[in-house]
Every structure is written in C-alpha cells, then in structure tokens.
C-alpha atoms as a PDB file:
ATOM      1  CA  MET A   1       8.767   1.145 -57.357  1.00  0.00           C
ATOM      2  CA  GLN A   2       9.002   4.391 -55.797  1.00  0.00           C
ATOM      3  CA  THR A   3       7.165   4.139 -51.916  1.00  0.00           C
ATOM      4  CA  THR A   4       6.354   6.336 -49.178  1.00  0.00           C
ATOM      5  CA  THR A   5       5.056   5.902 -45.545  1.00  0.00           C
ATOM      6  CA  ILE A   6       1.292   5.735 -44.359  1.00  0.00           C
ATOM      7  CA  GLY A   7       1.146   9.304 -43.615  1.00  0.00           C
ATOM      8  CA  LYS A   8       2.282  10.363 -46.868  1.00  0.00           C
ATOM      9  CA  LEU A   9       0.024   8.150 -48.516  1.00  0.00           C
ATOM     10  CA  ALA A  10      -3.074   9.238 -46.748  1.00  0.00           C
ATOM     11  CA  LYS A  11      -2.137  12.921 -46.949  1.00  0.00           C
ATOM     12  CA  ALA A  12      -1.400  12.312 -50.892  1.00  0.00           C
ATOM     13  CA  ALA A  13      -4.840  10.371 -51.164  1.00  0.00           C
ATOM     14  CA  HIS A  14      -6.561  12.747 -48.919  1.00  0.00           C
ATOM     15  CA  VAL A  15      -7.851  10.013 -46.511  1.00  0.00           C
ATOM     16  CA  GLY A  16      -6.700   9.792 -42.751  1.00  0.00           C
ATOM     17  CA  ILE A  17      -4.377   7.050 -41.809  1.00  0.00           C
ATOM     18  CA  GLU A  18      -7.408   5.362 -40.003  1.00  0.00           C
ATOM     19  CA  THR A  19      -8.970   5.206 -43.385  1.00  0.00           C
ATOM     20  CA  ILE A  20      -5.669   3.032 -44.922  1.00  0.00           C
ATOM     21  CA  ARG A  21      -5.845   1.028 -41.974  1.00  0.00           C
ATOM     22  CA  TYR A  22      -9.628   0.157 -42.332  1.00  0.00           C
ATOM     23  CA  TYR A  23      -9.136  -0.177 -46.136  1.00  0.00           C
ATOM     24  CA  GLN A  24      -5.987  -3.190 -44.839  1.00  0.00           C
ATOM     25  CA  SER A  25      -8.517  -4.490 -42.694  1.00  0.00           C
ATOM     26  CA  ARG A  26     -11.277  -5.387 -45.141  1.00  0.00           C
ATOM     27  CA  ASP A  27      -8.512  -6.219 -47.888  1.00  0.00           C
ATOM     28  CA  LEU A  28      -9.027  -3.643 -50.192  1.00  0.00           C
ATOM     29  CA  LEU A  29      -5.320  -2.204 -49.569  1.00  0.00           C
ATOM     30  CA  PRO A  30      -2.438  -4.565 -48.727  1.00  0.00           C
ATOM     31  CA  THR A  31      -0.413  -4.607 -45.873  1.00  0.00           C
ATOM     32  CA  PRO A  32       3.290  -4.195 -46.684  1.00  0.00           C
ATOM     33  CA  GLU A  33       5.903  -6.104 -44.220  1.00  0.00           C
ATOM     34  CA  LYS A  34       7.540  -3.897 -42.155  1.00  0.00           C
ATOM     35  CA  THR A  35      11.490  -2.933 -43.165  1.00  0.00           C
ATOM     36  CA  GLU A  36      13.644  -1.288 -40.559  1.00  0.00           C
ATOM     37  CA  GLY A  37      10.667  -1.021 -38.253  1.00  0.00           C
ATOM     38  CA  TYR A  38       8.201   0.550 -40.713  1.00  0.00           C
ATOM     39  CA  ARG A  39       6.141  -0.079 -43.311  1.00  0.00           C
ATOM     40  CA  GLN A  40       6.680   1.308 -47.066  1.00  0.00           C
ATOM     41  CA  TYR A  41       3.834   1.659 -49.008  1.00  0.00           C
ATOM     42  CA  PRO A  42       3.991   1.669 -52.604  1.00  0.00           C
ATOM     43  CA  VAL A  43       3.026   5.085 -54.406  1.00  0.00           C
ATOM     44  CA  ALA A  44       0.647   3.462 -56.721  1.00  0.00           C
ATOM     45  CA  LEU A  45      -2.002   2.955 -53.672  1.00  0.00           C
ATOM     46  CA  ILE A  46      -3.049   6.453 -53.976  1.00  0.00           C
ATOM     47  CA  GLU A  47      -4.751   5.943 -57.485  1.00  0.00           C
ATOM     48  CA  ARG A  48      -6.218   2.810 -55.685  1.00  0.00           C
ATOM     49  CA  ILE A  49      -7.173   4.383 -52.717  1.00  0.00           C
ATOM     50  CA  ARG A  50      -9.179   7.461 -55.031  1.00  0.00           C
ATOM     51  CA  PHE A  51     -10.662   4.824 -56.966  1.00  0.00           C
ATOM     52  CA  ILE A  52     -12.239   3.245 -53.562  1.00  0.00           C
ATOM     53  CA  LYS A  53     -13.190   6.734 -52.508  1.00  0.00           C
ATOM     54  CA  ARG A  54     -14.972   7.863 -56.029  1.00  0.00           C
ATOM     55  CA  ALA A  55     -16.574   4.606 -55.953  1.00  0.00           C
ATOM     56  CA  GLN A  56     -18.130   5.228 -52.280  1.00  0.00           C
ATOM     57  CA  GLU A  57     -19.228   8.670 -53.508  1.00  0.00           C
ATOM     58  CA  LEU A  58     -21.173   7.080 -56.498  1.00  0.00           C
ATOM     59  CA  GLY A  59     -23.065   4.184 -53.842  1.00  0.00           C
ATOM     60  CA  PHE A  60     -20.961   1.256 -53.875  1.00  0.00           C
ATOM     61  CA  SER A  61     -20.283  -0.535 -50.688  1.00  0.00           C
ATOM     62  CA  LEU A  62     -17.131  -1.593 -49.783  1.00  0.00           C
ATOM     63  CA  ASP A  63     -18.061  -5.296 -50.833  1.00  0.00           C
ATOM     64  CA  GLU A  64     -18.953  -4.163 -54.162  1.00  0.00           C
ATOM     65  CA  ILE A  65     -15.744  -2.183 -54.503  1.00  0.00           C
ATOM     66  CA  SER A  66     -13.601  -5.582 -53.297  1.00  0.00           C
ATOM     67  CA  ASP A  67     -15.291  -7.477 -56.153  1.00  0.00           C
ATOM     68  CA  LEU A  68     -15.022  -4.252 -58.631  1.00  0.00           C
ATOM     69  CA  LEU A  69     -11.234  -4.071 -57.540  1.00  0.00           C
ATOM     70  CA  SER A  70     -10.636  -8.243 -57.876  1.00  0.00           C
ATOM     71  CA  LEU A  71     -12.091  -7.733 -61.691  1.00  0.00           C
ATOM     72  CA  HIS A  72      -9.833  -6.834 -64.466  1.00  0.00           C
ATOM     73  CA  GLY A  73     -11.349  -4.128 -66.766  1.00  0.00           C
ATOM     74  CA  ASN A  74     -11.946  -6.563 -69.587  1.00  0.00           C
ATOM     75  CA  GLN A  75     -14.346  -8.254 -67.440  1.00  0.00           C
ATOM     76  CA  ARG A  76     -17.602  -6.320 -68.470  1.00  0.00           C
ATOM     77  CA  GLU A  77     -20.555  -8.381 -68.073  1.00  0.00           C
ATOM     78  CA  SER A  78     -19.459  -8.863 -64.319  1.00  0.00           C
ATOM     79  CA  ILE A  79     -18.874  -4.983 -63.782  1.00  0.00           C
ATOM     80  CA  GLN A  80     -22.218  -4.050 -65.434  1.00  0.00           C
ATOM     81  CA  SER A  81     -23.676  -6.550 -63.616  1.00  0.00           C
ATOM     82  CA  ILE A  82     -22.669  -4.930 -60.107  1.00  0.00           C
ATOM     83  CA  THR A  83     -23.284  -1.749 -61.375  1.00  0.00           C
ATOM     84  CA  ALA A  84     -26.632  -2.518 -62.344  1.00  0.00           C
ATOM     85  CA  ALA A  85     -27.238  -3.933 -59.319  1.00  0.00           C
ATOM     86  CA  ARG A  86     -26.110  -0.755 -57.288  1.00  0.00           C
ATOM     87  CA  LEU A  87     -28.231   1.349 -59.877  1.00  0.00           C
ATOM     88  CA  THR A  88     -31.518  -0.691 -58.986  1.00  0.00           C
ATOM     89  CA  GLN A  89     -30.986   0.398 -55.402  1.00  0.00           C
ATOM     90  CA  ILE A  90     -30.501   3.913 -56.238  1.00  0.00           C
ATOM     91  CA  ARG A  91     -33.445   4.090 -58.150  1.00  0.00           C
ATOM     92  CA  THR A  92     -35.463   2.222 -55.343  1.00  0.00           C
ATOM     93  CA  LYS A  93     -34.210   4.730 -52.838  1.00  0.00           C
ATOM     94  CA  ILE A  94     -34.943   7.659 -55.273  1.00  0.00           C
ATOM     95  CA  SER A  95     -38.508   6.280 -55.196  1.00  0.00           C
ATOM     96  CA  ASP A  96     -38.800   5.723 -51.957  1.00  0.00           C
ATOM     97  CA  LEU A  97     -37.655   9.449 -51.216  1.00  0.00           C
ATOM     98  CA  GLN A  98     -40.010  10.713 -53.856  1.00  0.00           C
ATOM     99  CA  ARG A  99     -42.956   9.132 -52.113  1.00  0.00           C
ATOM    100  CA  MET A 100     -41.642  10.203 -48.524  1.00  0.00           C
ATOM    101  CA  GLU A 101     -41.421  13.910 -50.065  1.00  0.00           C
ATOM    102  CA  THR A 102     -44.885  13.841 -51.317  1.00  0.00           C
ATOM    103  CA  VAL A 103     -46.811  12.435 -48.114  1.00  0.00           C
ATOM    104  CA  LEU A 104     -44.359  14.987 -46.041  1.00  0.00           C
ATOM    105  CA  THR A 105     -45.405  18.256 -48.622  1.00  0.00           C
ATOM    106  CA  GLU A 106     -49.196  16.855 -48.155  1.00  0.00           C
ATOM    107  CA  LEU A 107     -49.141  16.679 -44.587  1.00  0.00           C
ATOM    108  CA  LEU A 108     -47.541  20.210 -44.001  1.00  0.00           C
ATOM    109  CA  HIS A 109     -50.299  21.843 -46.378  1.00  0.00           C
ATOM    110  CA  GLU A 110     -52.913  20.142 -44.418  1.00  0.00           C
ATOM    111  CA  CYS A 111     -50.949  21.240 -40.946  1.00  0.00           C
ATOM    112  CA  GLU A 112     -50.972  24.747 -42.169  1.00  0.00           C
ATOM    113  CA  HIS A 113     -54.589  24.834 -43.511  1.00  0.00           C
ATOM    114  CA  THR A 114     -56.616  23.142 -40.620  1.00  0.00           C
ATOM    115  CA  ASP A 115     -58.190  24.305 -37.281  1.00  0.00           C
ATOM    116  CA  LEU A 116     -55.639  24.938 -34.479  1.00  0.00           C
ATOM    117  CA  SER A 117     -58.628  23.269 -32.460  1.00  0.00           C
ATOM    118  CA  THR A 118     -57.787  19.983 -33.976  1.00  0.00           C
ATOM    119  CA  PRO A 119     -54.838  17.786 -33.666  1.00  0.00           C
ATOM    120  CA  CYS A 120     -51.691  18.523 -36.214  1.00  0.00           C
ATOM    121  CA  PRO A 121     -52.209  16.027 -38.868  1.00  0.00           C
ATOM    122  CA  ILE A 122     -48.526  15.504 -39.293  1.00  0.00           C
ATOM    123  CA  ILE A 123     -48.394  14.552 -35.537  1.00  0.00           C
ATOM    124  CA  ALA A 124     -51.556  12.293 -35.954  1.00  0.00           C
ATOM    125  CA  SER A 125     -50.009  10.707 -39.101  1.00  0.00           C
ATOM    126  CA  ILE A 126     -46.609   9.651 -37.188  1.00  0.00           C
ATOM    127  CA  GLY A 127     -48.556   8.485 -34.348  1.00  0.00           C
ATOM    128  CA  GLY A 128     -50.746   5.817 -36.314  1.00  0.00           C
ATOM    129  CA  GLN A 129     -53.481   7.421 -36.403  1.00  0.00           C
ATOM    130  CA  ARG A 130     -54.364   7.991 -39.975  1.00  0.00           C
ATOM    131  CA  SER A 131     -52.095   6.278 -42.883  1.00  0.00           C
ATOM    132  CA  CYS A 132     -49.175   7.930 -44.688  1.00  0.00           C
ATOM    133  CA  ASP A 133     -50.532   5.766 -47.509  1.00  0.00           C
ATOM    134  CA  ASN A 134     -53.787   7.041 -47.470  1.00  0.00           C
ATOM    135  CA  MET A 135     -52.370  10.509 -48.107  1.00  0.00           C
ATOM    136  CA  GLN A 136     -51.714   9.987 -52.068  1.00  0.00           C
ATOM    137  CA  HIS A 137     -53.939  11.430 -54.421  1.00  0.00           C
END
C-alpha cells in the first residue's frame, strides 16, 4: 500500500490540511497511527476526499456523506433514500427562492413606479407594514 504525508495528501486532493483533520474529527477519514514521529496516509484516501468534496458540491451534508460512505455500492435502496431526501430539500429550497424572486421583482417594479413622496414599498414591506405574501398575483 502506497502512503504519503498529510501535506502531500492534501495537495493531491486539492484541499487544505485543516480539511483533512476536520474530516478525521467527523470520522469521514481514518487517522493513521504515527510511525517514526509522523503519520503516513494511504494514497487511496485521495479518491475518498474527492468523493466527499463532490458530494458536498451536490448539497449533501457531512452526516449524509458519512451515511453514504458507510454503505456499499450494492445497497441501492439506502443510497436512493438518502439521495431522494436531499433532492426533496433542494426542490423546496428552489421553490422558496423562486417565491422570493417573484416578491422582490414585484417590489422593485412597484418602487420604480411609485411617487417619490410615498414611502418606498420595499422598505415598507421589509418593515412589516405590508405582507410579502399578498404581493403574489
């Protein structure tokens, strides 16, 4: 088994040493015993770190990533369940963002087309003087 130092492992995986230590504290990566005063990390951990980073980019939490790492590739039902739950959360977030975009677009339009002598509709809405939910048509 090929091994390397934490610095070389971090560089090869395009992360900082602190990231590797954090992943170790979260039990996402093993912490090798010290040999001759320093730890030797299996080179194979590069792929595991890349997996973790890619899963984070896809929106998985570190707890979900830990669950995925503990499963074997043939445990599809469990993997699908974790992924479906994440997808539901992402779709909810997208829906919320679209609603916020609609409200802010309408408020901006209203602010641009109201008399300067009246309070800005954006400030009035944020201040609670009117309900954002009532803005949707």
